[in-house]
């Protein structure tokens, strides 16, 4: 195989792995409002567009309406928390 084919295959694998991790991360994460402490699952759009650090994300709370840094929690089953 030539180098271009190998590079294309590696790029495809890297993109597929990134997409898989992003879907996994969204499905296993809930957030807690920094103001009223409500635990919620943001919409995909809010989740993708929100500024974030490894442990927090800037979101608008569905309960109090405040835009603040929400703490991130990884859960096995989100129904345990919502």
N, C-alpha and C. Protein backbone atom coordinates (compact mmCIF):
# COMPACT_ATOMS: atom_id res chain seq x y z
N UNK A 1 0.84 -1.19 0.00
CA UNK A 1 0.00 0.00 0.00
C UNK A 1 0.89 1.25 0.00
N UNK A 2 0.39 2.27 -0.63
CA UNK A 2 1.19 3.49 -0.61
C UNK A 2 0.82 4.34 0.60
N UNK A 3 1.62 5.36 0.84
CA UNK A 3 1.47 6.19 2.04
C UNK A 3 0.15 6.96 2.07
N UNK A 4 -0.37 7.36 0.93
CA UNK A 4 -1.63 8.10 0.90
C UNK A 4 -2.80 7.23 1.34
N UNK A 5 -2.80 5.98 0.95
CA UNK A 5 -3.88 5.07 1.34
C UNK A 5 -3.83 4.81 2.84
N UNK A 6 -2.63 4.56 3.35
CA UNK A 6 -2.47 4.32 4.79
C UNK A 6 -2.89 5.57 5.58
N UNK A 7 -2.48 6.74 5.11
CA UNK A 7 -2.86 7.99 5.77
C UNK A 7 -4.37 8.20 5.77
N UNK A 8 -5.01 7.87 4.65
CA UNK A 8 -6.47 8.01 4.55
C UNK A 8 -7.19 7.06 5.49
N UNK A 9 -6.69 5.83 5.57
CA UNK A 9 -7.29 4.84 6.48
C UNK A 9 -7.13 5.29 7.93
N UNK A 10 -5.95 5.76 8.30
CA UNK A 10 -5.71 6.22 9.67
C UNK A 10 -6.58 7.44 10.01
N UNK A 11 -6.74 8.34 9.05
CA UNK A 11 -7.60 9.50 9.27
C UNK A 11 -9.05 9.08 9.48
N UNK A 12 -9.50 8.12 8.68
CA UNK A 12 -10.87 7.61 8.83
C UNK A 12 -11.09 6.96 10.18
N UNK A 13 -10.12 6.18 10.63
CA UNK A 13 -10.22 5.54 11.94
C UNK A 13 -10.24 6.59 13.05
N UNK A 14 -9.41 7.61 12.94
CA UNK A 14 -9.37 8.67 13.95
C UNK A 14 -10.70 9.43 14.01
N UNK A 15 -11.28 9.71 12.87
CA UNK A 15 -12.57 10.42 12.84
C UNK A 15 -13.67 9.54 13.43
N UNK A 16 -13.70 8.27 13.07
CA UNK A 16 -14.71 7.35 13.61
C UNK A 16 -14.58 7.22 15.12
N UNK A 17 -13.35 7.14 15.63
CA UNK A 17 -13.13 7.05 17.08
C UNK A 17 -13.59 8.33 17.78
N UNK A 18 -13.34 9.48 17.18
CA UNK A 18 -13.76 10.75 17.77
C UNK A 18 -15.28 10.86 17.85
N UNK A 19 -15.96 10.45 16.79
CA UNK A 19 -17.42 10.47 16.77
C UNK A 19 -17.98 9.52 17.81
N UNK A 20 -17.41 8.31 17.90
CA UNK A 20 -17.87 7.32 18.88
C UNK A 20 -17.68 7.84 20.30
N UNK A 21 -16.54 8.47 20.59
CA UNK A 21 -16.31 9.00 21.93
C UNK A 21 -17.28 10.14 22.24
N UNK A 22 -17.55 11.01 21.28
CA UNK A 22 -18.46 12.13 21.49
C UNK A 22 -19.87 11.63 21.82
N UNK A 23 -20.35 10.64 21.09
CA UNK A 23 -21.67 10.07 21.35
C UNK A 23 -21.70 9.42 22.74
N UNK A 24 -20.67 8.65 23.07
CA UNK A 24 -20.57 8.01 24.38
C UNK A 24 -20.56 9.04 25.50
N UNK A 25 -19.77 10.11 25.32
CA UNK A 25 -19.67 11.16 26.34
C UNK A 25 -21.02 11.83 26.57
N UNK A 26 -21.74 12.16 25.49
CA UNK A 26 -23.05 12.80 25.64
C UNK A 26 -24.04 11.89 26.35
N UNK A 27 -24.06 10.61 25.99
CA UNK A 27 -25.03 9.68 26.56
C UNK A 27 -24.77 9.37 28.03
N UNK A 28 -23.54 9.52 28.50
CA UNK A 28 -23.21 9.13 29.87
C UNK A 28 -22.95 10.32 30.80
N UNK A 29 -23.38 11.51 30.39
CA UNK A 29 -23.10 12.71 31.18
C UNK A 29 -24.38 13.47 31.52
N UNK A 30 -24.48 13.90 32.78
CA UNK A 30 -25.53 14.83 33.21
C UNK A 30 -24.83 16.02 33.86
N UNK A 31 -25.57 17.11 34.01
CA UNK A 31 -25.00 18.33 34.56
C UNK A 31 -25.84 18.85 35.72
N UNK A 32 -25.17 19.52 36.66
CA UNK A 32 -25.85 20.11 37.80
C UNK A 32 -25.66 21.62 37.75
N UNK A 33 -26.77 22.35 37.81
CA UNK A 33 -26.75 23.81 37.76
C UNK A 33 -25.91 24.36 38.91
N UNK A 34 -25.09 25.34 38.60
CA UNK A 34 -24.26 25.98 39.62
C UNK A 34 -25.05 26.87 40.57
N UNK A 35 -26.25 27.26 40.20
CA UNK A 35 -27.07 28.15 41.03
C UNK A 35 -28.09 27.39 41.86
N UNK A 36 -29.00 26.66 41.21
CA UNK A 36 -30.10 26.00 41.93
C UNK A 36 -29.85 24.52 42.19
N UNK A 37 -28.74 23.98 41.68
CA UNK A 37 -28.31 22.59 41.89
C UNK A 37 -29.21 21.54 41.24
N UNK A 38 -30.04 21.93 40.28
CA UNK A 38 -30.88 20.99 39.54
C UNK A 38 -30.00 20.13 38.63
N UNK A 39 -30.25 18.84 38.60
CA UNK A 39 -29.52 17.93 37.71
C UNK A 39 -30.35 17.76 36.44
N UNK A 40 -29.71 17.92 35.28
CA UNK A 40 -30.43 17.83 34.02
C UNK A 40 -29.53 17.35 32.90
N UNK A 41 -30.14 17.01 31.80
CA UNK A 41 -29.45 16.60 30.57
C UNK A 41 -29.72 17.69 29.54
N UNK A 42 -28.69 18.42 29.08
CA UNK A 42 -28.92 19.47 28.09
C UNK A 42 -29.24 18.90 26.71
N UNK A 43 -29.79 19.73 25.86
CA UNK A 43 -30.04 19.30 24.48
C UNK A 43 -28.69 19.10 23.79
N UNK A 44 -28.69 18.37 22.70
CA UNK A 44 -27.45 18.13 21.96
C UNK A 44 -26.86 19.45 21.49
N UNK A 45 -27.72 20.36 21.00
CA UNK A 45 -27.25 21.66 20.52
C UNK A 45 -26.58 22.46 21.64
N UNK A 46 -27.23 22.54 22.80
CA UNK A 46 -26.65 23.28 23.93
C UNK A 46 -25.35 22.62 24.38
N UNK A 47 -25.32 21.31 24.38
CA UNK A 47 -24.14 20.57 24.80
C UNK A 47 -22.97 20.80 23.85
N UNK A 48 -23.25 20.75 22.55
CA UNK A 48 -22.18 20.92 21.56
C UNK A 48 -21.66 22.36 21.51
N UNK A 49 -22.53 23.33 21.73
CA UNK A 49 -22.15 24.74 21.58
C UNK A 49 -21.66 25.38 22.87
N UNK A 50 -21.86 24.74 24.01
CA UNK A 50 -21.49 25.35 25.29
C UNK A 50 -19.99 25.35 25.53
N UNK A 51 -19.47 26.48 26.02
CA UNK A 51 -18.06 26.52 26.41
C UNK A 51 -17.86 25.48 27.51
N UNK A 52 -16.68 24.87 27.56
CA UNK A 52 -16.48 23.84 28.56
C UNK A 52 -15.03 23.68 28.96
N UNK A 53 -14.87 23.10 30.14
CA UNK A 53 -13.60 22.64 30.66
C UNK A 53 -13.80 21.14 30.87
N UNK A 54 -12.79 20.40 31.32
CA UNK A 54 -13.02 18.96 31.53
C UNK A 54 -14.13 18.64 32.54
N UNK A 55 -14.41 19.51 33.50
CA UNK A 55 -15.41 19.19 34.52
C UNK A 55 -16.62 20.09 34.56
N UNK A 56 -16.70 21.08 33.69
CA UNK A 56 -17.82 22.02 33.72
C UNK A 56 -18.20 22.42 32.30
N UNK A 57 -19.43 22.91 32.17
CA UNK A 57 -19.91 23.40 30.88
C UNK A 57 -20.84 24.58 31.13
N UNK A 58 -20.71 25.63 30.32
CA UNK A 58 -21.57 26.81 30.44
C UNK A 58 -22.90 26.48 29.77
N UNK A 59 -23.97 26.39 30.59
CA UNK A 59 -25.30 26.02 30.10
C UNK A 59 -26.36 26.90 30.75
N UNK A 60 -27.53 26.95 30.14
CA UNK A 60 -28.68 27.62 30.72
C UNK A 60 -29.52 26.57 31.43
N UNK A 61 -29.81 26.81 32.70
CA UNK A 61 -30.57 25.85 33.50
C UNK A 61 -32.03 25.82 33.04
N UNK A 62 -32.58 24.62 32.85
CA UNK A 62 -33.98 24.53 32.43
C UNK A 62 -34.96 24.90 33.55
N UNK A 63 -34.51 24.89 34.81
CA UNK A 63 -35.39 25.20 35.93
C UNK A 63 -35.35 26.69 36.29
N UNK A 64 -34.16 27.21 36.61
CA UNK A 64 -34.07 28.60 37.07
C UNK A 64 -33.78 29.59 35.95
N UNK A 65 -33.35 29.10 34.77
CA UNK A 65 -33.10 29.97 33.63
C UNK A 65 -31.77 30.71 33.67
N UNK A 66 -30.96 30.50 34.71
CA UNK A 66 -29.66 31.17 34.83
C UNK A 66 -28.63 30.49 33.93
N UNK A 67 -27.81 31.29 33.28
CA UNK A 67 -26.70 30.75 32.50
C UNK A 67 -25.48 30.78 33.41
N UNK A 68 -24.94 29.60 33.69
CA UNK A 68 -23.81 29.51 34.60
C UNK A 68 -23.00 28.25 34.29
N UNK A 69 -21.91 28.08 35.01
CA UNK A 69 -21.10 26.88 34.86
C UNK A 69 -21.78 25.73 35.58
N UNK A 70 -22.05 24.66 34.86
CA UNK A 70 -22.71 23.48 35.42
C UNK A 70 -21.67 22.38 35.61
N UNK A 71 -21.72 21.74 36.77
CA UNK A 71 -20.80 20.65 37.06
C UNK A 71 -21.18 19.41 36.25
N UNK A 72 -20.18 18.70 35.77
CA UNK A 72 -20.37 17.51 34.93
C UNK A 72 -20.28 16.26 35.80
N UNK A 73 -21.21 15.32 35.59
CA UNK A 73 -21.20 14.04 36.28
C UNK A 73 -21.37 12.93 35.26
N UNK A 74 -20.52 11.93 35.34
CA UNK A 74 -20.63 10.76 34.47
C UNK A 74 -21.47 9.73 35.21
N UNK A 75 -22.48 9.20 34.53
CA UNK A 75 -23.39 8.25 35.15
C UNK A 75 -23.53 7.01 34.27
N UNK A 76 -23.81 5.89 34.92
CA UNK A 76 -24.05 4.66 34.17
C UNK A 76 -25.43 4.68 33.52
N UNK A 77 -26.40 5.21 34.28
CA UNK A 77 -27.78 5.27 33.79
C UNK A 77 -28.36 6.61 34.22
N UNK A 78 -28.62 7.50 33.26
CA UNK A 78 -29.07 8.84 33.61
C UNK A 78 -30.42 8.85 34.32
N UNK A 79 -31.21 7.81 34.20
CA UNK A 79 -32.51 7.78 34.89
C UNK A 79 -32.33 7.71 36.40
N UNK A 80 -31.15 7.32 36.89
CA UNK A 80 -30.88 7.33 38.32
C UNK A 80 -30.83 8.74 38.90
N UNK A 81 -30.55 9.74 38.04
CA UNK A 81 -30.34 11.10 38.50
C UNK A 81 -31.40 12.08 38.04
N UNK A 82 -32.17 11.74 37.03
CA UNK A 82 -33.15 12.68 36.50
C UNK A 82 -34.54 12.24 36.87
